[in-house]
Amino acid sequence: YFMWLDASLEPPEPPRKGSLCILSGTNSGKRIDLTMATTNLGRAGKRAGIISRNGNRFLILPGDEGQSPKLNGVRVGGAGEELKNGDMIEIADARMQFYLK
């Protein structure tokens, strides 16, 4: 009897949840759960940034017409940046923190 084990077949990662805690600005104190594939950041009609979910990865991308949020004090480039637990996001006068559970 011979059993073949393929080490490359690792069990899938359990699903992770992302959320934003608003630290300053109009919605200060609120928590936003990132349940959709795409979450728009900014005011209605003017996206200042986009958070895109791909499996257990969350990416922050620039918004409309050159609108670009800051991630940990640095402007987000066109290719976007992967978010990590504890990252700080700034959009206009609002600051928020990303949490990954």
C-alpha atoms as a PDB file:
ATOM      1  CA  TYR A   1       0.000   0.000   0.000  1.00  0.00           C
ATOM      2  CA  PHE A   2       1.428   3.347  -1.039  1.00  0.00           C
ATOM      3  CA  MET A   3       0.064   6.765  -0.091  1.00  0.00           C
ATOM      4  CA  TRP A   4       1.129   9.858  -1.968  1.00  0.00           C
ATOM      5  CA  LEU A   5       1.201  13.114  -0.005  1.00  0.00           C
ATOM      6  CA  ASP A   6       1.594  16.371  -1.826  1.00  0.00           C
ATOM      7  CA  ALA A   7       3.202  18.892   0.546  1.00  0.00           C
ATOM      8  CA  SER A   8       2.076  21.762  -1.690  1.00  0.00           C
ATOM      9  CA  LEU A   9      -1.552  21.055  -0.793  1.00  0.00           C
ATOM     10  CA  GLU A  10      -1.734  23.053   2.401  1.00  0.00           C
ATOM     11  CA  PRO A  11      -5.092  23.653   4.034  1.00  0.00           C
ATOM     12  CA  PRO A  12      -6.618  26.973   2.972  1.00  0.00           C
ATOM     13  CA  GLU A  13      -6.230  29.961   5.266  1.00  0.00           C
ATOM     14  CA  PRO A  14      -9.304  30.641   7.358  1.00  0.00           C
ATOM     15  CA  PRO A  15     -11.151  33.761   6.191  1.00  0.00           C
ATOM     16  CA  ARG A  16      -9.909  36.976   7.785  1.00  0.00           C
ATOM     17  CA  LYS A  17     -11.972  40.067   8.494  1.00  0.00           C
ATOM     18  CA  GLY A  18     -10.915  43.634   7.864  1.00  0.00           C
ATOM     19  CA  SER A  19     -12.322  46.762   9.444  1.00  0.00           C
ATOM     20  CA  LEU A  20     -11.614  50.467   9.755  1.00  0.00           C
ATOM     21  CA  CYS A  21     -11.830  52.440  12.986  1.00  0.00           C
ATOM     22  CA  ILE A  22     -12.419  56.144  12.290  1.00  0.00           C
ATOM     23  CA  LEU A  23     -10.136  58.147  14.609  1.00  0.00           C
ATOM     24  CA  SER A  24     -10.892  61.725  13.477  1.00  0.00           C
ATOM     25  CA  GLY A  25     -13.234  63.596  11.165  1.00  0.00           C
ATOM     26  CA  THR A  26     -17.010  63.595  10.761  1.00  0.00           C
ATOM     27  CA  ASN A  27     -17.506  59.905  11.609  1.00  0.00           C
ATOM     28  CA  SER A  28     -15.001  59.753  14.478  1.00  0.00           C
ATOM     29  CA  GLY A  29     -15.516  56.719  16.725  1.00  0.00           C
ATOM     30  CA  LYS A  30     -17.303  54.592  14.129  1.00  0.00           C
ATOM     31  CA  ARG A  31     -16.137  51.185  12.957  1.00  0.00           C
ATOM     32  CA  ILE A  32     -16.638  50.056   9.365  1.00  0.00           C
ATOM     33  CA  ASP A  33     -16.493  46.332   8.599  1.00  0.00           C
ATOM     34  CA  LEU A  34     -14.975  45.672   5.170  1.00  0.00           C
ATOM     35  CA  THR A  35     -17.345  42.948   3.964  1.00  0.00           C
ATOM     36  CA  MET A  36     -17.609  43.900   0.269  1.00  0.00           C
ATOM     37  CA  ALA A  37     -15.087  43.203  -2.504  1.00  0.00           C
ATOM     38  CA  THR A  38     -14.679  46.989  -2.924  1.00  0.00           C
ATOM     39  CA  THR A  39     -15.170  49.778  -0.372  1.00  0.00           C
ATOM     40  CA  ASN A  40     -15.117  53.406  -1.516  1.00  0.00           C
ATOM     41  CA  LEU A  41     -13.576  55.978   0.814  1.00  0.00           C
ATOM     42  CA  GLY A  42     -14.534  59.653   0.753  1.00  0.00           C
ATOM     43  CA  ARG A  43     -17.669  61.690   0.281  1.00  0.00           C
ATOM     44  CA  ALA A  44     -20.597  60.801  -1.974  1.00  0.00           C
ATOM     45  CA  GLY A  45     -19.667  61.382  -5.594  1.00  0.00           C
ATOM     46  CA  LYS A  46     -15.958  61.877  -4.850  1.00  0.00           C
ATOM     47  CA  ARG A  47     -13.900  58.769  -4.119  1.00  0.00           C
ATOM     48  CA  ALA A  48     -10.731  59.705  -2.264  1.00  0.00           C
ATOM     49  CA  GLY A  49      -9.578  56.097  -2.113  1.00  0.00           C
ATOM     50  CA  ILE A  50     -10.648  52.504  -2.603  1.00  0.00           C
ATOM     51  CA  ILE A  51     -10.105  49.416  -0.454  1.00  0.00           C
ATOM     52  CA  SER A  52     -10.223  46.240  -2.517  1.00  0.00           C
ATOM     53  CA  ARG A  53     -10.480  42.780  -0.989  1.00  0.00           C
ATOM     54  CA  ASN A  54      -8.958  39.760  -2.688  1.00  0.00           C
ATOM     55  CA  GLY A  55      -9.314  36.668  -0.512  1.00  0.00           C
ATOM     56  CA  ASN A  56      -7.531  37.489   2.752  1.00  0.00           C
ATOM     57  CA  ARG A  57      -5.640  40.434   1.231  1.00  0.00           C
ATOM     58  CA  PHE A  58      -6.822  44.035   1.429  1.00  0.00           C
ATOM     59  CA  LEU A  59      -5.367  46.661  -0.917  1.00  0.00           C
ATOM     60  CA  ILE A  60      -5.748  50.425  -0.724  1.00  0.00           C
ATOM     61  CA  LEU A  61      -5.831  52.228  -4.074  1.00  0.00           C
ATOM     62  CA  PRO A  62      -6.072  55.877  -5.190  1.00  0.00           C
ATOM     63  CA  GLY A  63      -9.540  57.280  -5.839  1.00  0.00           C
ATOM     64  CA  ASP A  64     -10.921  59.470  -8.616  1.00  0.00           C
ATOM     65  CA  GLU A  65      -9.011  62.193 -10.468  1.00  0.00           C
ATOM     66  CA  GLY A  66      -5.721  61.868  -8.679  1.00  0.00           C
ATOM     67  CA  GLN A  67      -7.274  61.642  -5.224  1.00  0.00           C
ATOM     68  CA  SER A  68      -4.833  59.604  -3.192  1.00  0.00           C
ATOM     69  CA  PRO A  69      -5.006  58.675   0.482  1.00  0.00           C
ATOM     70  CA  LYS A  70      -1.928  58.457   2.674  1.00  0.00           C
ATOM     71  CA  LEU A  71      -0.898  55.131   4.183  1.00  0.00           C
ATOM     72  CA  ASN A  72       1.297  55.501   7.278  1.00  0.00           C
ATOM     73  CA  GLY A  73       2.119  59.069   6.181  1.00  0.00           C
ATOM     74  CA  VAL A  74       3.039  58.225   2.552  1.00  0.00           C
ATOM     75  CA  ARG A  75       0.809  58.855  -0.494  1.00  0.00           C
ATOM     76  CA  VAL A  76      -0.557  55.675  -2.075  1.00  0.00           C
ATOM     77  CA  GLY A  77       0.774  55.142  -5.620  1.00  0.00           C
ATOM     78  CA  GLY A  78      -1.231  54.015  -8.638  1.00  0.00           C
ATOM     79  CA  ALA A  79      -0.534  50.315  -8.056  1.00  0.00           C
ATOM     80  CA  GLY A  80      -1.879  50.534  -4.512  1.00  0.00           C
ATOM     81  CA  GLU A  81      -0.489  49.049  -1.307  1.00  0.00           C
ATOM     82  CA  GLU A  82      -1.384  45.968   0.707  1.00  0.00           C
ATOM     83  CA  LEU A  83      -2.884  46.841   4.089  1.00  0.00           C
ATOM     84  CA  LYS A  84      -1.471  45.329   7.262  1.00  0.00           C
ATOM     85  CA  ASN A  85      -2.983  45.187  10.728  1.00  0.00           C
ATOM     86  CA  GLY A  86      -2.573  48.560  12.456  1.00  0.00           C
ATOM     87  CA  ASP A  87      -1.933  50.624   9.297  1.00  0.00           C
ATOM     88  CA  MET A  88      -2.966  54.292   9.515  1.00  0.00           C
ATOM     89  CA  ILE A  89      -4.930  55.815   6.618  1.00  0.00           C
ATOM     90  CA  GLU A  90      -5.418  59.559   6.089  1.00  0.00           C
ATOM     91  CA  ILE A  91      -7.972  61.073   3.736  1.00  0.00           C
ATOM     92  CA  ALA A  92      -8.377  64.864   3.862  1.00  0.00           C
ATOM     93  CA  ASP A  93      -9.055  65.635   7.562  1.00  0.00           C
ATOM     94  CA  ALA A  94     -10.021  62.058   8.482  1.00  0.00           C
ATOM     95  CA  ARG A  95      -7.689  59.509  10.050  1.00  0.00           C
ATOM     96  CA  MET A  96      -8.535  55.827  10.350  1.00  0.00           C
ATOM     97  CA  GLN A  97      -6.822  52.647  11.409  1.00  0.00           C
ATOM     98  CA  PHE A  98      -7.043  49.312   9.580  1.00  0.00           C
ATOM     99  CA  TYR A  99      -7.578  46.137  11.592  1.00  0.00           C
ATOM    100  CA  LEU A 100      -7.187  42.594  10.282  1.00  0.00           C
ATOM    101  CA  LYS A 101      -8.581  39.751  12.405  1.00  0.00           C
END
